[in-house]
Amino acid sequence: MKPQLLTIQNILHITGITKKTLHHYHKIGLLPPSHIADNGYRFYDRQTLATLQTILLFKEMGFSLTEIATMLPLSKAKQTDILIQQRQLLESKKQKLTTVIEQLDHYIERTDISKLTLFDDSTTPSIEEQYELEAKLVYGDTEIYQEFQENIEKLSDSDKKQAYDQFASNMESVFRNIALYQDRSPSDDKVQHYINQWSQYLAQFIGDDIRILLCIAETYRIDERFVRYFDTFGEEGYLTFLYEAIVYFVEKKSNTPIADS
């Protein structure tokens, strides 16, 4: 005759859960034993075992213990409705996880952080939006930034996007071309040709004030976020090379030597 009641050890052997977990389920009222003997031993009938298996199943499906406690007394039809909703939630999480993995791969491949779309469906602003907020905080009281804002506000949203995308593409092209001459001096004519292009692209947004170029170069050098970005273009030391090329360009334009900081 097979035992009608199962011991704790039987339950642990069948389900693989721990004694601590089983006691916890009892403590919170989720799965009380079918019978407690005079000596305090807990026993479980096969129906209680089936309930435990349902609890474990729902738990694996992503439900909390509180949610499971609410679901257990419900009819099969009502449980099914909840399960359908849970499937939709899990499908959404699956899509999000797929996106996260794709973005992780891009980041491992050294895609610039501003190009990642991980925050598109998030309440967190995109990296580009964060950069804009940071720039406004740091440079918002300067005439150059205010002029830049006035120029940008004249554009429609679609024109802004097109302008930003074209600007980013132009910058990447310049940085890649500069990297081709990294084995030369920062003052080399070819290098300076592309630095001049770089300054012209910037001038479309911030005017032709030569002072801002040095500020941007300094930001490239000291802001760790740019290190990863520029590593995608050249060999080791590329960022230093770029900085020196910009400094030379500014010195030549302004006829003023710039002390190395």
Protein backbone atom coordinates (compact mmCIF):
# COMPACT_ATOMS: atom_id res chain seq x y z
CA MET A 1 0.00 0.00 0.00
CA LYS A 2 1.44 3.39 -1.03
CA PRO A 3 1.46 6.03 1.71
CA GLN A 4 -1.61 8.29 1.69
CA LEU A 5 0.35 11.10 3.36
CA LEU A 6 3.78 12.31 2.32
CA THR A 7 6.50 13.41 4.70
CA ILE A 8 8.57 16.53 4.28
CA GLN A 9 11.40 14.38 2.94
CA ASN A 10 9.03 12.85 0.38
CA ILE A 11 7.99 16.34 -0.77
CA LEU A 12 11.59 17.54 -0.99
CA HIS A 13 12.57 14.44 -2.96
CA ILE A 14 9.72 14.80 -5.43
CA THR A 15 9.82 18.56 -6.04
CA GLY A 16 13.47 19.43 -5.39
CA ILE A 17 12.63 22.42 -3.20
CA THR A 18 14.36 23.04 0.11
CA LYS A 19 12.99 22.45 3.58
CA LYS A 20 13.35 26.16 4.26
CA THR A 21 11.16 27.02 1.25
CA LEU A 22 8.49 24.53 2.27
CA HIS A 23 8.39 25.95 5.80
CA HIS A 24 8.21 29.48 4.37
CA TYR A 25 5.19 28.58 2.25
CA HIS A 26 3.56 27.20 5.38
CA LYS A 27 4.43 30.28 7.41
CA ILE A 28 2.85 32.73 4.94
CA GLY A 29 -0.25 30.57 4.57
CA LEU A 30 0.42 29.63 0.96
CA LEU A 31 0.75 25.88 1.54
CA PRO A 32 -0.20 24.60 4.99
CA PRO A 33 0.43 20.88 5.66
CA SER A 34 -2.48 18.50 5.27
CA HIS A 35 -1.85 17.12 8.73
CA ILE A 36 0.36 17.94 11.70
CA ALA A 37 0.99 15.02 14.07
CA ASP A 38 1.13 15.32 17.82
CA ASN A 39 4.90 15.27 17.64
CA GLY A 40 4.86 18.27 15.31
CA TYR A 41 5.71 16.36 12.13
CA ARG A 42 4.12 17.78 9.00
CA PHE A 43 2.43 15.60 6.41
CA TYR A 44 1.07 16.39 2.96
CA ASP A 45 -1.57 14.61 0.91
CA ARG A 46 -1.36 14.27 -2.86
CA GLN A 47 -3.75 17.17 -3.47
CA THR A 48 -1.46 19.45 -1.46
CA LEU A 49 1.46 18.15 -3.50
CA ALA A 50 -0.45 19.10 -6.66
CA THR A 51 -1.04 22.57 -5.23
CA LEU A 52 2.67 22.91 -4.49
CA GLN A 53 3.49 21.92 -8.06
CA THR A 54 1.10 24.60 -9.31
CA ILE A 55 2.78 27.16 -7.04
CA LEU A 56 6.20 26.21 -8.42
CA LEU A 57 4.86 26.40 -11.97
CA PHE A 58 3.34 29.85 -11.48
CA LYS A 59 6.53 31.01 -9.79
CA GLU A 60 8.58 29.97 -12.82
CA MET A 61 6.12 31.89 -14.99
CA GLY A 62 7.11 35.08 -13.19
CA PHE A 63 4.33 35.45 -10.62
CA SER A 64 5.12 36.62 -7.11
CA LEU A 65 4.04 34.57 -4.12
CA THR A 66 1.46 37.22 -3.30
CA GLU A 67 0.02 36.96 -6.81
CA ILE A 68 0.03 33.16 -6.60
CA ALA A 69 -1.85 33.24 -3.30
CA THR A 70 -4.53 35.34 -5.01
CA MET A 71 -4.70 33.04 -8.04
CA LEU A 72 -4.96 29.65 -6.32
CA PRO A 73 -8.58 29.98 -5.12
CA LEU A 74 -9.78 31.23 -8.51
CA SER A 75 -11.58 29.17 -11.10
CA LYS A 76 -9.62 27.69 -13.99
CA ALA A 77 -11.25 30.19 -16.34
CA LYS A 78 -10.14 33.19 -14.27
CA GLN A 79 -6.67 31.70 -13.88
CA THR A 80 -6.49 31.36 -17.66
CA ASP A 81 -7.34 35.04 -18.13
CA ILE A 82 -4.50 35.98 -15.78
CA LEU A 83 -2.14 33.59 -17.56
CA ILE A 84 -2.97 35.17 -20.91
CA GLN A 85 -2.14 38.60 -19.49
CA GLN A 86 1.09 37.21 -18.07
CA ARG A 87 2.02 35.79 -21.46
CA GLN A 88 1.58 39.22 -23.03
CA LEU A 89 3.78 40.72 -20.31
CA LEU A 90 6.45 38.06 -20.83
CA GLU A 91 6.34 38.60 -24.59
CA SER A 92 6.97 42.29 -24.02
CA LYS A 93 9.86 41.47 -21.69
CA LYS A 94 11.20 39.01 -24.26
CA GLN A 95 11.24 41.74 -26.91
CA LYS A 96 12.91 44.11 -24.47
CA LEU A 97 15.50 41.48 -23.58
CA THR A 98 16.19 40.86 -27.28
CA THR A 99 16.76 44.60 -27.70
CA VAL A 100 19.05 44.69 -24.66
CA ILE A 101 21.13 41.81 -26.05
CA GLU A 102 21.39 43.52 -29.45
CA GLN A 103 22.43 46.80 -27.84
CA LEU A 104 24.91 44.95 -25.63
CA ASP A 105 26.48 43.41 -28.73
CA HIS A 106 26.72 46.85 -30.35
CA TYR A 107 28.35 48.30 -27.24
CA ILE A 108 30.85 45.42 -27.07
CA GLU A 109 31.67 46.21 -30.70
CA ARG A 110 32.41 49.78 -29.52
CA THR A 111 29.40 51.52 -31.03
CA ASP A 112 29.22 55.05 -29.65
CA ILE A 113 26.92 55.16 -26.63
CA SER A 114 24.92 58.00 -28.18
CA LYS A 115 23.94 55.68 -31.05
CA LEU A 116 22.41 53.04 -28.79
CA THR A 117 18.60 52.91 -28.69
CA LEU A 118 18.22 51.19 -25.34
CA PHE A 119 16.25 54.07 -23.84
CA ASP A 120 13.80 54.46 -26.73
CA ASP A 121 10.95 52.81 -24.81
CA SER A 122 12.06 54.05 -21.41
CA THR A 123 11.21 57.01 -19.20
CA THR A 124 14.97 57.63 -19.09
CA PRO A 125 16.02 60.24 -21.68
CA SER A 126 18.14 58.97 -24.57
CA ILE A 127 21.88 59.53 -24.33
CA GLU A 128 21.62 62.23 -27.01
CA GLU A 129 18.92 64.00 -24.99
CA GLN A 130 21.08 63.71 -21.88
CA TYR A 131 23.99 65.24 -23.79
CA GLU A 132 21.74 68.14 -24.82
CA LEU A 133 20.61 68.69 -21.23
CA GLU A 134 24.21 68.53 -20.03
CA ALA A 135 25.33 71.03 -22.69
CA LYS A 136 22.51 73.40 -21.71
CA LEU A 137 23.50 73.14 -18.05
CA VAL A 138 27.20 73.76 -18.72
CA TYR A 139 27.07 76.22 -21.63
CA GLY A 140 23.52 77.60 -21.42
CA ASP A 141 24.57 81.07 -20.29
CA THR A 142 27.08 81.58 -23.10
CA GLU A 143 26.32 83.62 -26.21
CA ILE A 144 27.59 80.81 -28.44
CA TYR A 145 25.19 78.26 -26.99
CA GLN A 146 22.27 80.67 -27.06
CA GLU A 147 22.98 81.40 -30.73
CA PHE A 148 23.11 77.65 -31.36
CA GLN A 149 19.73 77.21 -29.65
CA GLU A 150 18.19 80.00 -31.70
CA ASN A 151 19.38 78.37 -34.93
CA ILE A 152 18.09 74.95 -33.88
CA GLU A 153 14.69 76.25 -32.76
CA LYS A 154 14.09 77.57 -36.26
CA LEU A 155 14.07 74.00 -37.58
CA SER A 156 11.17 71.56 -37.58
CA ASP A 157 11.54 68.30 -35.67
CA SER A 158 12.19 66.36 -38.88
CA ASP A 159 14.74 68.94 -40.04
CA LYS A 160 16.45 68.80 -36.64
CA LYS A 161 16.75 65.04 -36.87
CA GLN A 162 18.05 65.24 -40.42
CA ALA A 163 20.56 67.93 -39.41
CA TYR A 164 21.77 65.93 -36.39
CA ASP A 165 22.06 62.72 -38.41
CA GLN A 166 23.99 64.48 -41.17
CA PHE A 167 26.22 66.17 -38.60
CA ALA A 168 27.00 62.84 -36.93
CA SER A 169 27.76 61.25 -40.28
CA ASN A 170 30.05 64.13 -41.26
CA MET A 171 31.90 63.93 -37.96
CA GLU A 172 32.47 60.21 -38.24
CA SER A 173 33.79 60.66 -41.76
CA VAL A 174 36.23 63.36 -40.62
CA PHE A 175 37.47 61.32 -37.67
CA ARG A 176 38.04 58.28 -39.86
CA ASN A 177 39.94 60.35 -42.41
CA ILE A 178 42.12 61.89 -39.70
CA ALA A 179 42.91 58.39 -38.43
CA LEU A 180 44.39 57.53 -41.84
CA TYR A 181 47.18 60.04 -41.12
CA GLN A 182 47.79 59.21 -37.47
CA ASP A 183 51.37 58.22 -38.32
CA ARG A 184 52.09 61.81 -39.37
CA SER A 185 52.50 64.98 -37.35
CA PRO A 186 49.34 66.66 -36.02
CA SER A 187 50.42 69.70 -38.03
CA ASP A 188 50.55 67.78 -41.31
CA ASP A 189 48.65 69.47 -44.13
CA LYS A 190 46.36 66.48 -44.67
CA VAL A 191 45.51 66.28 -40.97
CA GLN A 192 44.88 70.00 -40.81
CA HIS A 193 42.68 69.81 -43.90
CA TYR A 194 40.32 67.47 -42.07
CA ILE A 195 40.52 69.47 -38.85
CA ASN A 196 39.38 72.45 -40.90
CA GLN A 197 36.47 70.36 -42.21
CA TRP A 198 35.63 69.42 -38.62
CA SER A 199 35.55 73.10 -37.61
CA GLN A 200 33.31 73.96 -40.57
CA TYR A 201 30.80 71.26 -39.63
CA LEU A 202 30.72 72.61 -36.10
CA ALA A 203 30.32 76.16 -37.37
CA GLN A 204 26.97 75.21 -38.89
CA PHE A 205 25.64 74.88 -35.34
CA ILE A 206 27.84 77.01 -33.09
CA GLY A 207 29.19 79.71 -35.34
CA ASP A 208 32.83 80.32 -36.19
CA ASP A 209 34.13 81.37 -32.78
CA ILE A 210 37.56 79.75 -32.62
CA ARG A 211 37.50 79.61 -28.82
CA ILE A 212 34.78 76.98 -28.70
CA LEU A 213 36.92 74.58 -30.74
CA LEU A 214 39.48 74.41 -27.97
CA CYS A 215 36.74 73.82 -25.40
CA ILE A 216 35.43 70.93 -27.49
CA ALA A 217 38.93 69.50 -27.91
CA GLU A 218 39.46 69.70 -24.16
CA THR A 219 36.15 67.93 -23.60
CA TYR A 220 37.23 65.17 -25.97
CA ARG A 221 40.40 64.73 -23.95
CA ILE A 222 39.09 64.78 -20.39
CA ASP A 223 35.60 63.27 -20.74
CA GLU A 224 35.91 59.49 -20.40
CA ARG A 225 32.76 58.97 -22.46
CA PHE A 226 34.64 60.08 -25.57
CA VAL A 227 37.54 57.66 -25.06
CA ARG A 228 35.47 54.64 -26.06
CA TYR A 229 33.99 56.54 -29.01
CA PHE A 230 37.33 57.63 -30.46
CA ASP A 231 38.86 54.20 -29.95
CA THR A 232 36.67 53.05 -32.84
CA PHE A 233 38.48 55.29 -35.34
CA GLY A 234 42.23 55.03 -34.89
CA GLU A 235 45.11 53.28 -33.22
CA GLU A 236 46.21 53.68 -29.62
CA GLY A 237 46.82 57.34 -28.84
CA TYR A 238 44.37 58.58 -31.46
CA LEU A 239 42.53 60.87 -29.05
CA THR A 240 45.76 62.57 -27.99
CA PHE A 241 46.73 62.95 -31.65
CA LEU A 242 43.35 64.50 -32.45
CA TYR A 243 43.60 66.89 -29.52
CA GLU A 244 47.07 68.05 -30.58
CA ALA A 245 45.89 68.53 -34.16
CA ILE A 246 42.98 70.71 -32.98
CA VAL A 247 45.26 72.74 -30.70
CA TYR A 248 47.64 73.36 -33.61
CA PHE A 249 44.71 74.42 -35.79
CA VAL A 250 43.43 76.87 -33.14
CA GLU A 251 46.91 78.28 -32.54
CA LYS A 252 47.42 78.85 -36.25
CA LYS A 253 44.01 80.48 -36.67
CA SER A 254 44.32 82.72 -33.64
CA ASN A 255 48.09 83.33 -33.86
CA THR A 256 48.21 82.59 -30.15
CA PRO A 257 50.25 79.79 -28.55
CA ILE A 258 48.21 77.62 -26.20
CA ALA A 259 49.85 76.40 -23.01
CA ASP A 260 49.59 72.65 -22.51
CA SER A 261 47.32 71.87 -19.56
